[in-house]
Each structure stands twice: as structure tokens, then as C-alpha cells.
Amino acid sequence: MLKIEDLWVSIGDKQVLKGVNMSVGEGETHALFGPNGCGKTTLLSTIAGIPRYQVNEGTIWFKGVDITRMPMHERARLGIGIAFQHPPTIRGLKVSDMIKLCNPQADAGKILKDLDFVEFADREVNRGFSGGEVKRSEMVQLLAQEPDFVMLDEPDSGVDLENIKVIGRAINVLTQKDQKPSARKKSGVIITHFGHILDYMSADKAHVMIEGTIVCSGSPREILEQIKVNGYEGCVGCLCPV
């Protein structure tokens, strides 16, 4: 589904990503760990095609297509979706209208009901929403879009237990973890700092990013336990290198 080869990315004069290599197979969901400022958000934003992230070297392949220089809207049409950690408020646009813009054929009623978001249908997108409500708003949009590859930037950040449960269920739907393995065609990458979301959704593999490169890959649970015990410093000497 996604293959990244020797990716170097800068923001202005700052080199952020330094030779990232990563692949996500069809039907796989990967977790991405790492300390603040290590480049996790930069990686997802670069895959999405946000212009301020400048690719200096390397290639991004999606479904066998080189998308490294492709505009963001074309990547979305190919099936890439993203939920931001701090999405903007969109004044004048109702949640129900956003769903129609994402996908006119989407079952808005079911999506809103599944995410316990019916009462927000006529409110402006993210205006006056709590942290958990903003995260659910992002899930509403992704469920409407139905991307083949979904990226979520810390969906468990600043979210209470009830909201994490709802968001976890939505992620499992987006990544088809509610279906048997042989039927799964959709993939995803989830950034998580503390790993709380892994209690409510299923990940197949995890990676640790430090100082702009992936230093370790393996079992999500095992890596998370090692981080809890040894911190991210212990990942540098990980015995499960990429």
C-alpha cells in the first residue's frame, strides 16, 4: 500500500526527516512512537502532501504510484486520508455539510450516530468543541471520506476515556479491523505518544522514530512496554532493528 524510500524532508532551513524507510502492506495498521519533535507529524504531513514540507531526497510510493511530487488533492483522490492533531475551526461550514463535501453518497445519519455526534450535525466544524469532540469530528470526516490509507496524528491526545473508546471503534472500522484478516484491504498509520489508543484498536506493527529516522520496528505491545521501562533512549540500542 505504502512504501517510503530514503526520505529526507525539511521545513524551511531545518532538516527534520533524515533517511526514513518504511512500508505498510495492504490491510496493515502501524503505530508510530517517538518523543516530541522527532518528526512523526512531519512524516504524516509529507505523505499527505502538505506543501510546507519540502522533500529533499527519497521517494513515496502509494499503490505502486510515485506520489512524491503529487499535489495534496490528488493524493486524497487516490485514497489517502489524514486526521490532524490540531485541526482548524471552519466557520460557516456545518458538520453535516462537511460530510456531504467529503462524500455525497456517505450515510451521514449512520456516521453521526455511530460516533454519538448527531447533536453536532448543525454546528460549525470544530467551533467550540472540546478536545474529544474535535477528535470525533475528525473521525466523522474520515468515515465519510472512506480512504484506503488513513493517517491519525495522536487521536488519543487530550481525550477522556469515553471518547477514546468511541475513537478506537472508529479507527477499527476505518482500517477494517472489524473484518476477518483476509478481507482487509485498507491500511493506516497511527501516531501515539503514550499508547492509550492501542487499548481500543488493533495495530499490526510499530515503529520508533528518533531524531528524524526510524530506529526500531516490531510488535506494538512489546515496543510500548520497552518504552515504558527504558524510555525512548533505550530504543536506540534496540535488538529489533529495521
Protein backbone atom coordinates (compact mmCIF):
# COMPACT_ATOMS: atom_id res chain seq x y z
CA MET A 1 0.00 0.00 0.00
CA LEU A 2 2.69 2.50 1.07
CA LYS A 3 6.46 2.39 0.60
CA ILE A 4 8.87 5.12 1.69
CA GLU A 5 12.46 5.02 0.49
CA ASP A 6 15.31 7.10 1.98
CA LEU A 7 13.07 10.10 2.68
CA TRP A 8 14.71 13.38 3.65
CA VAL A 9 12.38 16.28 4.44
CA SER A 10 12.98 19.84 5.59
CA ILE A 11 10.82 22.70 6.88
CA GLY A 12 12.46 25.94 5.83
CA ASP A 13 16.13 25.61 6.73
CA LYS A 14 15.59 22.80 9.24
CA GLN A 15 16.23 19.19 8.23
CA VAL A 16 13.55 17.13 10.02
CA LEU A 17 13.42 13.70 8.39
CA LYS A 18 16.73 12.00 7.74
CA GLY A 19 16.57 8.91 5.57
CA VAL A 20 13.24 7.36 6.61
CA ASN A 21 12.47 3.89 5.23
CA MET A 22 9.08 2.34 5.91
CA SER A 23 6.46 0.16 4.25
CA VAL A 24 2.85 -0.59 5.15
CA GLY A 25 1.19 -3.55 3.46
CA GLU A 26 -2.42 -3.80 2.33
CA GLY A 27 -4.68 -4.40 5.32
CA GLU A 28 -1.98 -3.44 7.85
CA THR A 29 -2.19 -0.80 10.59
CA HIS A 30 1.06 0.53 12.01
CA ALA A 31 1.70 2.56 15.17
CA LEU A 32 4.38 5.25 15.22
CA PHE A 33 6.05 6.14 18.53
CA GLY A 34 8.64 8.77 19.30
CA PRO A 35 9.45 11.74 21.55
CA ASN A 36 8.06 15.19 20.82
CA GLY A 37 9.77 16.94 17.93
CA CYS A 38 11.29 13.82 16.41
CA GLY A 39 9.48 14.13 13.06
CA LYS A 40 6.36 11.96 13.41
CA THR A 41 3.91 14.67 12.34
CA THR A 42 6.29 15.75 9.58
CA LEU A 43 6.24 12.22 8.16
CA LEU A 44 2.43 12.04 8.03
CA SER A 45 2.16 15.58 6.66
CA THR A 46 4.68 14.78 3.94
CA ILE A 47 2.78 11.64 2.93
CA ALA A 48 -0.38 13.76 2.76
CA GLY A 49 1.38 16.30 0.54
CA ILE A 50 1.15 19.44 2.67
CA PRO A 51 3.25 22.00 0.72
CA ARG A 52 5.35 23.43 3.57
CA TYR A 53 7.12 20.09 3.97
CA GLN A 54 9.90 20.01 1.36
CA VAL A 55 11.15 16.63 0.13
CA ASN A 56 14.91 16.90 -0.44
CA GLU A 57 15.59 13.27 -1.28
CA GLY A 58 13.75 9.96 -1.43
CA THR A 59 10.53 8.57 -2.83
CA ILE A 60 7.00 7.93 -1.57
CA TRP A 61 5.09 5.15 -3.33
CA PHE A 62 1.35 4.65 -2.85
CA LYS A 63 -0.40 1.73 -4.54
CA GLY A 64 2.63 1.47 -6.81
CA VAL A 65 2.40 5.13 -7.87
CA ASP A 66 5.18 7.65 -7.16
CA ILE A 67 3.35 10.41 -5.27
CA THR A 68 6.45 12.27 -4.03
CA ARG A 69 5.66 15.43 -6.03
CA MET A 70 1.90 14.92 -6.36
CA PRO A 71 -0.43 17.70 -5.09
CA MET A 72 -2.35 17.05 -1.89
CA HIS A 73 -5.81 16.91 -3.51
CA GLU A 74 -4.65 14.25 -5.99
CA ARG A 75 -3.31 12.12 -3.13
CA ALA A 76 -6.69 12.42 -1.43
CA ARG A 77 -8.39 11.24 -4.61
CA LEU A 78 -6.05 8.24 -4.70
CA GLY A 79 -7.31 7.28 -1.23
CA ILE A 80 -5.12 8.99 1.38
CA GLY A 81 -6.88 10.49 4.40
CA ILE A 82 -5.49 12.27 7.45
CA ALA A 83 -6.79 13.37 10.86
CA PHE A 84 -4.76 16.21 12.31
CA GLN A 85 -3.74 16.60 15.94
CA HIS A 86 -4.86 20.24 15.96
CA PRO A 87 -7.37 20.72 13.11
CA PRO A 88 -8.73 24.21 12.41
CA THR A 89 -12.15 25.61 13.19
CA ILE A 90 -14.12 26.16 9.97
CA ARG A 91 -16.59 28.97 10.48
CA GLY A 92 -19.71 28.92 8.33
CA LEU A 93 -19.47 25.21 7.49
CA LYS A 94 -21.73 22.78 9.33
CA VAL A 95 -20.60 19.26 10.21
CA SER A 96 -23.44 17.79 8.11
CA ASP A 97 -22.32 19.83 5.09
CA MET A 98 -18.71 18.75 5.61
CA ILE A 99 -19.84 15.12 5.37
CA LYS A 100 -21.55 15.86 2.04
CA LEU A 101 -18.41 17.58 0.75
CA CYS A 102 -16.27 14.58 1.75
CA ASN A 103 -18.63 12.11 0.09
CA PRO A 104 -22.14 12.90 -1.24
CA GLN A 105 -23.01 9.18 -1.04
CA ALA A 106 -21.99 8.80 2.61
CA ASP A 107 -24.63 7.68 5.10
CA ALA A 108 -24.39 10.79 7.27
CA GLY A 109 -27.04 9.61 9.72
CA LYS A 110 -25.22 6.35 10.46
CA ILE A 111 -21.81 8.00 10.75
CA LEU A 112 -23.10 10.62 13.18
CA LYS A 113 -24.98 8.02 15.24
CA ASP A 114 -22.01 5.63 15.43
CA LEU A 115 -19.79 8.41 16.75
CA ASP A 116 -22.50 9.80 19.08
CA PHE A 117 -22.26 13.05 17.12
CA VAL A 118 -25.85 13.64 15.98
CA GLU A 119 -26.27 16.75 18.17
CA PHE A 120 -23.29 18.36 16.41
CA ALA A 121 -24.66 17.97 12.85
CA ASP A 122 -25.77 21.59 12.56
CA ARG A 123 -22.81 23.12 14.36
CA GLU A 124 -19.83 24.72 12.63
CA VAL A 125 -16.90 22.34 12.22
CA ASN A 126 -14.82 22.25 15.43
CA ARG A 127 -16.15 25.61 16.69
CA GLY A 128 -16.39 25.47 20.48
CA PHE A 129 -15.65 21.73 20.52
CA SER A 130 -13.82 20.08 23.41
CA GLY A 131 -10.65 18.07 22.72
CA GLY A 132 -12.56 14.81 22.48
CA GLU A 133 -15.26 16.36 20.29
CA VAL A 134 -12.62 17.67 17.87
CA LYS A 135 -11.16 14.15 17.58
CA ARG A 136 -14.61 12.68 16.92
CA SER A 137 -15.22 15.40 14.33
CA GLU A 138 -12.07 14.27 12.51
CA MET A 139 -13.31 10.66 12.64
CA VAL A 140 -16.66 11.73 11.18
CA GLN A 141 -14.90 13.29 8.20
CA LEU A 142 -12.66 10.26 7.62
CA LEU A 143 -15.55 7.80 7.85
CA ALA A 144 -17.33 9.88 5.22
CA GLN A 145 -14.24 10.04 3.00
CA GLU A 146 -13.60 6.26 3.28
CA PRO A 147 -9.87 6.48 2.47
CA ASP A 148 -7.85 3.39 1.58
CA PHE A 149 -4.97 4.66 3.72
CA VAL A 150 -5.72 6.58 6.90
CA MET A 151 -3.24 8.58 9.00
CA LEU A 152 -4.06 9.76 12.51
CA ASP A 153 -1.89 12.16 14.48
CA GLU A 154 -2.27 11.38 18.21
CA PRO A 155 -6.00 10.56 18.21
CA ASP A 156 -5.73 9.85 21.96
CA SER A 157 -4.12 13.19 22.89
CA GLY A 158 -6.21 15.22 25.32
CA VAL A 159 -9.13 12.78 25.11
CA ASP A 160 -11.07 11.28 28.01
CA LEU A 161 -11.80 7.56 28.38
CA GLU A 162 -15.27 7.64 26.82
CA ASN A 163 -14.05 9.47 23.74
CA ILE A 164 -11.04 7.17 23.35
CA LYS A 165 -13.38 4.18 23.22
CA VAL A 166 -15.51 5.77 20.50
CA ILE A 167 -12.45 6.86 18.51
CA GLY A 168 -10.88 3.41 18.83
CA ARG A 169 -14.01 1.79 17.39
CA ALA A 170 -13.98 4.26 14.51
CA ILE A 171 -10.33 3.51 13.74
CA ASN A 172 -11.09 -0.22 13.68
CA VAL A 173 -13.83 0.47 11.12
CA LEU A 174 -11.57 2.71 9.03
CA THR A 175 -8.83 0.05 8.97
CA GLN A 176 -11.31 -2.84 8.60
CA LYS A 177 -10.21 -4.50 11.83
CA ASP A 178 -13.89 -5.37 12.27
CA GLN A 179 -13.47 -7.78 9.34
CA LYS A 180 -11.54 -11.04 9.06
CA PRO A 181 -7.85 -10.60 8.07
CA SER A 182 -8.25 -11.99 4.55
CA ALA A 183 -10.93 -9.38 3.77
CA ARG A 184 -8.94 -6.34 4.90
CA LYS A 185 -7.84 -4.01 2.11
CA LYS A 186 -7.39 -0.72 3.98
CA SER A 187 -4.29 0.36 5.85
CA GLY A 188 -3.20 3.05 8.26
CA VAL A 189 -0.56 4.71 10.42
CA ILE A 190 -1.36 5.97 13.92
CA ILE A 191 0.89 8.34 15.85
CA THR A 192 0.56 7.77 19.58
CA HIS A 193 2.74 9.22 22.32
CA PHE A 194 1.57 7.19 25.31
CA GLY A 195 -0.09 4.25 23.52
CA HIS A 196 -3.51 4.66 25.17
CA ILE A 197 -5.35 4.21 21.87
CA LEU A 198 -3.85 0.70 21.48
CA ASP A 199 -6.18 -0.49 24.24
CA TYR A 200 -9.13 0.20 21.92
CA MET A 201 -7.85 -0.50 18.41
CA SER A 202 -5.62 -3.09 16.80
CA ALA A 203 -2.15 -2.43 15.35
CA ASP A 204 -0.08 -4.97 13.43
CA LYS A 205 3.35 -3.36 13.74
CA ALA A 206 5.04 -0.44 15.45
CA HIS A 207 7.96 1.85 14.66
CA VAL A 208 10.01 4.18 16.85
CA MET A 209 11.24 7.45 15.38
CA ILE A 210 14.09 9.38 16.99
CA GLU A 211 15.74 12.49 15.56
CA GLY A 212 14.11 12.13 12.17
CA THR A 213 14.71 8.48 11.44
CA ILE A 214 13.14 5.14 12.34
CA VAL A 215 15.42 3.28 14.72
CA CYS A 216 13.30 0.27 15.65
CA SER A 217 10.33 -1.74 14.38
CA GLY A 218 8.44 -4.67 15.86
CA SER A 219 5.46 -5.74 17.96
CA PRO A 220 3.40 -2.74 19.14
CA ARG A 221 2.88 -4.16 22.63
CA GLU A 222 6.50 -5.19 23.11
CA ILE A 223 7.84 -1.86 21.91
CA LEU A 224 5.39 0.06 24.10
CA GLU A 225 6.43 -1.95 27.16
CA GLN A 226 10.10 -1.29 26.43
CA ILE A 227 9.41 2.43 26.10
CA LYS A 228 7.62 2.42 29.47
CA VAL A 229 10.58 0.68 31.12
CA ASN A 230 13.59 2.22 29.36
CA GLY A 231 12.24 5.38 27.73
CA TYR A 232 12.99 6.32 24.15
CA GLU A 233 16.72 6.31 24.90
CA GLY A 234 16.54 2.53 25.17
CA CYS A 235 15.15 2.28 21.65
CA VAL A 236 18.41 3.49 20.14
CA GLY A 237 20.04 0.20 21.12
CA CYS A 238 17.00 -1.92 20.25
CA LEU A 239 17.71 -5.54 19.32
CA CYS A 240 14.93 -5.47 16.70
CA PRO A 241 16.37 -3.07 14.12
CA VAL A 242 14.55 -2.12 10.94
